Amino acid sequence: EALEFVARPGGKIVDRPLMDVRFPHGAMVGMIVRPDEIVVPGGDTQIHQGDHVVVFALQEAVKKVQKLFA
């Protein structure tokens, strides 16, 4: 599935390098959309408050991904 989230302040995934986030098996960040750019993420990429994040996930990983952005 392709899911879109908006990063909220205080989220578990905000302002941390993606390589330090315990992302669920079967899910990956595909793209980060900011007002002035589109980012194809790497391990050092950080998601910032207000970023729109596109995540690709297998069905069994969806709930875990949703918790990261809650």
N, C-alpha and C. Protein backbone atom coordinates (compact mmCIF):
# COMPACT_ATOMS: atom_id res chain seq x y z
N GLU A 1 0.83 -1.17 0.00
CA GLU A 1 0.00 0.00 0.00
C GLU A 1 0.88 1.24 0.00
N ALA A 2 0.37 2.30 -0.58
CA ALA A 2 1.03 3.61 -0.51
C ALA A 2 0.23 4.46 0.46
N LEU A 3 0.90 5.00 1.45
CA LEU A 3 0.24 5.79 2.50
C LEU A 3 0.89 7.18 2.54
N GLU A 4 0.10 8.18 2.88
CA GLU A 4 0.65 9.53 3.04
C GLU A 4 0.37 10.01 4.46
N PHE A 5 1.40 10.57 5.09
CA PHE A 5 1.29 11.11 6.43
C PHE A 5 1.82 12.52 6.45
N VAL A 6 1.34 13.33 7.37
CA VAL A 6 1.92 14.64 7.64
C VAL A 6 2.62 14.53 8.99
N ALA A 7 3.91 14.85 9.01
CA ALA A 7 4.69 14.73 10.24
C ALA A 7 4.24 15.79 11.24
N ARG A 8 3.87 15.34 12.43
CA ARG A 8 3.39 16.23 13.48
C ARG A 8 4.48 16.49 14.50
N PRO A 9 4.39 17.64 15.18
CA PRO A 9 5.40 17.92 16.21
C PRO A 9 5.38 16.85 17.30
N GLY A 10 6.55 16.47 17.73
CA GLY A 10 6.66 15.48 18.79
C GLY A 10 6.50 14.04 18.34
N GLY A 11 6.32 13.82 17.03
CA GLY A 11 6.19 12.47 16.52
C GLY A 11 7.47 11.67 16.71
N LYS A 12 7.35 10.36 16.82
CA LYS A 12 8.50 9.49 17.06
C LYS A 12 9.52 9.54 15.93
N ILE A 13 9.09 9.98 14.77
CA ILE A 13 9.93 9.95 13.59
C ILE A 13 10.49 11.32 13.21
N VAL A 14 10.04 12.37 13.89
CA VAL A 14 10.40 13.75 13.53
C VAL A 14 11.79 14.11 14.04
N ASP A 15 12.58 14.74 13.16
CA ASP A 15 13.91 15.28 13.47
C ASP A 15 14.91 14.22 13.94
N ARG A 16 14.77 13.02 13.39
CA ARG A 16 15.74 11.94 13.63
C ARG A 16 16.15 11.38 12.29
N PRO A 17 17.43 11.04 12.11
CA PRO A 17 17.81 10.38 10.86
C PRO A 17 17.02 9.09 10.68
N LEU A 18 16.58 8.81 9.48
CA LEU A 18 15.78 7.61 9.23
C LEU A 18 16.50 6.33 9.65
N MET A 19 17.83 6.32 9.56
CA MET A 19 18.56 5.11 9.95
C MET A 19 18.45 4.85 11.45
N ASP A 20 18.04 5.85 12.24
CA ASP A 20 17.87 5.67 13.69
C ASP A 20 16.43 5.35 14.08
N VAL A 21 15.52 5.35 13.11
CA VAL A 21 14.12 5.06 13.38
C VAL A 21 13.90 3.56 13.19
N ARG A 22 13.23 2.93 14.11
CA ARG A 22 12.95 1.50 14.00
C ARG A 22 11.72 1.30 13.12
N PHE A 23 11.95 1.39 11.82
CA PHE A 23 10.85 1.25 10.86
C PHE A 23 10.46 -0.21 10.78
N PRO A 24 9.16 -0.50 10.70
CA PRO A 24 8.72 -1.90 10.66
C PRO A 24 9.20 -2.63 9.41
N HIS A 25 9.44 -3.92 9.57
CA HIS A 25 9.78 -4.77 8.44
C HIS A 25 8.61 -4.72 7.45
N GLY A 26 8.90 -4.56 6.19
CA GLY A 26 7.85 -4.51 5.17
C GLY A 26 7.35 -3.11 4.87
N ALA A 27 8.08 -2.09 5.34
CA ALA A 27 7.68 -0.71 5.08
C ALA A 27 8.92 0.15 4.81
N MET A 28 8.74 1.16 3.97
CA MET A 28 9.84 2.08 3.67
C MET A 28 9.30 3.44 3.27
N VAL A 29 10.08 4.47 3.59
CA VAL A 29 9.73 5.82 3.17
C VAL A 29 10.15 5.97 1.71
N GLY A 30 9.20 6.33 0.86
CA GLY A 30 9.48 6.46 -0.56
C GLY A 30 9.79 7.87 -0.99
N MET A 31 9.20 8.86 -0.28
CA MET A 31 9.36 10.24 -0.70
C MET A 31 8.92 11.16 0.43
N ILE A 32 9.60 12.30 0.54
CA ILE A 32 9.22 13.36 1.47
C ILE A 32 8.94 14.60 0.64
N VAL A 33 7.76 15.17 0.84
CA VAL A 33 7.37 16.36 0.07
C VAL A 33 7.36 17.55 1.01
N ARG A 34 8.14 18.56 0.63
CA ARG A 34 8.23 19.82 1.36
C ARG A 34 7.74 20.93 0.45
N PRO A 35 7.43 22.11 1.00
CA PRO A 35 6.91 23.19 0.15
C PRO A 35 7.80 23.55 -1.04
N ASP A 36 9.12 23.41 -0.87
CA ASP A 36 10.04 23.84 -1.92
C ASP A 36 10.84 22.71 -2.56
N GLU A 37 10.57 21.46 -2.16
CA GLU A 37 11.33 20.36 -2.74
C GLU A 37 10.67 19.01 -2.49
N ILE A 38 11.11 18.04 -3.28
CA ILE A 38 10.75 16.64 -3.08
C ILE A 38 12.04 15.90 -2.78
N VAL A 39 12.04 15.14 -1.70
CA VAL A 39 13.25 14.46 -1.25
C VAL A 39 13.07 12.96 -1.40
N VAL A 40 14.04 12.33 -2.07
CA VAL A 40 14.12 10.87 -2.08
C VAL A 40 15.05 10.54 -0.91
N PRO A 41 14.51 9.91 0.14
CA PRO A 41 15.26 9.80 1.38
C PRO A 41 16.38 8.76 1.36
N GLY A 42 17.36 9.04 2.17
CA GLY A 42 18.44 8.11 2.46
C GLY A 42 18.51 7.94 3.97
N GLY A 43 19.48 7.22 4.45
CA GLY A 43 19.60 6.95 5.88
C GLY A 43 19.80 8.18 6.74
N ASP A 44 20.47 9.21 6.20
CA ASP A 44 20.73 10.43 6.96
C ASP A 44 19.59 11.43 6.89
N THR A 45 18.61 11.19 6.04
CA THR A 45 17.50 12.12 5.86
C THR A 45 16.65 12.19 7.13
N GLN A 46 16.23 13.41 7.46
CA GLN A 46 15.35 13.62 8.61
C GLN A 46 14.00 14.12 8.11
N ILE A 47 12.96 13.65 8.77
CA ILE A 47 11.61 14.13 8.49
C ILE A 47 11.34 15.26 9.47
N HIS A 48 10.85 16.38 8.93
CA HIS A 48 10.59 17.55 9.76
C HIS A 48 9.09 17.78 9.91
N GLN A 49 8.74 18.48 10.96
CA GLN A 49 7.34 18.83 11.21
C GLN A 49 6.73 19.45 9.94
N GLY A 50 5.56 18.98 9.56
CA GLY A 50 4.87 19.51 8.40
C GLY A 50 5.20 18.83 7.09
N ASP A 51 6.25 17.99 7.08
CA ASP A 51 6.57 17.25 5.86
C ASP A 51 5.44 16.28 5.52
N HIS A 52 5.18 16.13 4.25
CA HIS A 52 4.27 15.10 3.77
C HIS A 52 5.14 13.92 3.40
N VAL A 53 4.85 12.77 3.97
CA VAL A 53 5.70 11.59 3.81
C VAL A 53 4.91 10.48 3.15
N VAL A 54 5.44 9.97 2.04
CA VAL A 54 4.82 8.84 1.35
C VAL A 54 5.56 7.58 1.78
N VAL A 55 4.79 6.63 2.31
CA VAL A 55 5.35 5.38 2.81
C VAL A 55 4.74 4.22 2.02
N PHE A 56 5.57 3.30 1.60
CA PHE A 56 5.11 2.08 0.96
C PHE A 56 5.19 0.97 2.01
N ALA A 57 4.08 0.25 2.19
CA ALA A 57 4.05 -0.75 3.26
C ALA A 57 3.21 -1.95 2.86
N LEU A 58 3.66 -3.11 3.29
CA LEU A 58 2.84 -4.30 3.18
C LEU A 58 1.71 -4.19 4.19
N GLN A 59 0.62 -4.86 3.93
CA GLN A 59 -0.57 -4.76 4.79
C GLN A 59 -0.26 -5.02 6.26
N GLU A 60 0.59 -5.99 6.54
CA GLU A 60 0.88 -6.33 7.93
C GLU A 60 1.72 -5.27 8.66
N ALA A 61 2.30 -4.32 7.92
CA ALA A 61 3.12 -3.28 8.54
C ALA A 61 2.37 -1.95 8.71
N VAL A 62 1.19 -1.83 8.13
CA VAL A 62 0.48 -0.55 8.10
C VAL A 62 0.21 0.00 9.50
N LYS A 63 -0.30 -0.79 10.41
CA LYS A 63 -0.62 -0.30 11.76
C LYS A 63 0.62 0.18 12.50
N LYS A 64 1.72 -0.52 12.32
CA LYS A 64 2.97 -0.12 12.97
C LYS A 64 3.47 1.21 12.42
N VAL A 65 3.34 1.40 11.12
CA VAL A 65 3.75 2.67 10.50
C VAL A 65 2.86 3.80 11.01
N GLN A 66 1.58 3.56 11.11
CA GLN A 66 0.65 4.58 11.60
C GLN A 66 1.02 5.03 13.00
N LYS A 67 1.49 4.13 13.84
CA LYS A 67 1.89 4.48 15.20
C LYS A 67 3.11 5.41 15.20
N LEU A 68 4.01 5.23 14.24
CA LEU A 68 5.18 6.12 14.16
C LEU A 68 4.78 7.56 13.90
N PHE A 69 3.70 7.76 13.17
CA PHE A 69 3.27 9.10 12.80
C PHE A 69 2.17 9.64 13.70
N ALA A 70 1.77 8.88 14.72
CA ALA A 70 0.69 9.32 15.61
C ALA A 70 1.15 10.41 16.56
